Amino acid sequence: SMIYFGVPSYGVHVNGWVRDPRRPSSREPSAMWVATRSMSKATYPGLLDQMVAGGQPTALTFDENVRKECEEEASLPPE
């Protein structure tokens, strides 16, 4: 809602690459992890989305916020 008041807001958005399980030592990505929004969402239900996204609070650095959002939204470990 900040945009409607002319106030800039910031956030973090993360997409992820998946390694080929047949080549676990390869660092080459084999696919991209793309999320689909829940059909119960009020905005853009059922459309493709980032796997992790969230607003940027002033009390956290971008790195801290990415780690927090990854854990909250995708159950990814902080490391």
Protein backbone atom coordinates (compact mmCIF):
# COMPACT_ATOMS: atom_id res chain seq x y z
CA SER A 1 0.00 0.00 0.00
CA MET A 2 3.02 2.30 0.32
CA ILE A 3 3.05 2.98 -3.43
CA TYR A 4 -0.38 4.58 -3.27
CA PHE A 5 1.01 7.20 -0.88
CA GLY A 6 4.06 7.90 -3.06
CA VAL A 7 6.44 6.35 -0.55
CA PRO A 8 9.11 4.04 -1.96
CA SER A 9 9.32 0.59 -0.43
CA TYR A 10 11.93 -2.11 -0.90
CA GLY A 11 11.92 -5.86 -0.78
CA VAL A 12 13.84 -9.00 -1.53
CA HIS A 13 12.99 -11.50 -4.27
CA VAL A 14 14.73 -14.85 -4.76
CA ASN A 15 14.59 -17.48 -7.47
CA GLY A 16 16.62 -20.65 -7.28
CA TRP A 17 18.45 -23.07 -9.50
CA VAL A 18 18.26 -26.84 -9.07
CA ARG A 19 21.21 -29.14 -9.66
CA ASP A 20 20.82 -32.30 -11.68
CA PRO A 21 20.62 -35.18 -9.15
CA ARG A 22 22.38 -37.43 -11.66
CA ARG A 23 25.40 -35.07 -11.52
CA PRO A 24 25.59 -33.93 -7.87
CA SER A 25 29.16 -32.63 -8.16
CA SER A 26 28.31 -30.37 -11.12
CA ARG A 27 27.78 -26.70 -10.31
CA GLU A 28 25.85 -26.24 -13.55
CA PRO A 29 22.14 -25.61 -12.97
CA SER A 30 19.73 -27.97 -14.67
CA ALA A 31 16.42 -26.29 -13.88
CA MET A 32 14.94 -23.23 -12.24
CA TRP A 33 12.69 -23.44 -9.19
CA VAL A 34 9.56 -21.43 -10.02
CA ALA A 35 6.72 -21.11 -7.54
CA THR A 36 3.02 -20.90 -8.33
CA ARG A 37 0.87 -18.57 -6.25
CA SER A 38 -1.93 -20.11 -4.25
CA MET A 39 -5.39 -19.89 -5.79
CA SER A 40 -6.58 -18.36 -2.52
CA LYS A 41 -4.33 -15.28 -2.89
CA ALA A 42 -6.18 -11.99 -3.32
CA THR A 43 -3.71 -10.79 -5.95
CA TYR A 44 -2.57 -12.76 -8.98
CA PRO A 45 -3.86 -16.19 -7.84
CA GLY A 46 -2.41 -19.18 -9.68
CA LEU A 47 0.30 -17.20 -11.49
CA LEU A 48 4.04 -17.85 -11.42
CA ASP A 49 5.99 -16.17 -8.65
CA GLN A 50 9.38 -16.00 -6.96
CA MET A 51 10.13 -18.84 -4.56
CA VAL A 52 10.86 -16.27 -1.82
CA ALA A 53 9.88 -12.63 -1.51
CA GLY A 54 9.25 -10.17 1.26
CA GLY A 55 9.32 -6.53 2.25
CA GLN A 56 12.55 -5.02 3.51
CA PRO A 57 12.33 -3.91 7.15
CA THR A 58 14.61 -1.10 8.28
CA ALA A 59 16.03 -3.16 11.16
CA LEU A 60 17.59 -5.84 8.90
CA THR A 61 20.27 -5.78 6.23
CA PHE A 62 19.32 -7.19 2.82
CA ASP A 63 21.44 -10.28 3.54
CA GLU A 64 19.74 -10.86 6.91
CA ASN A 65 16.32 -10.38 5.36
CA VAL A 66 17.00 -12.79 2.47
CA ARG A 67 18.08 -15.46 4.96
CA LYS A 68 15.00 -14.83 7.14
CA GLU A 69 12.59 -14.91 4.21
CA CYS A 70 14.19 -18.06 2.74
CA GLU A 71 13.71 -19.86 6.03
CA GLU A 72 10.14 -18.60 6.54
CA GLU A 73 8.79 -19.05 3.04
CA ALA A 74 10.73 -21.96 1.58
CA SER A 75 12.17 -23.78 4.62
CA LEU A 76 15.67 -23.19 3.28
CA PRO A 77 18.47 -23.22 5.84
CA PRO A 78 20.17 -19.85 6.49
CA GLU A 79 23.53 -20.99 5.11
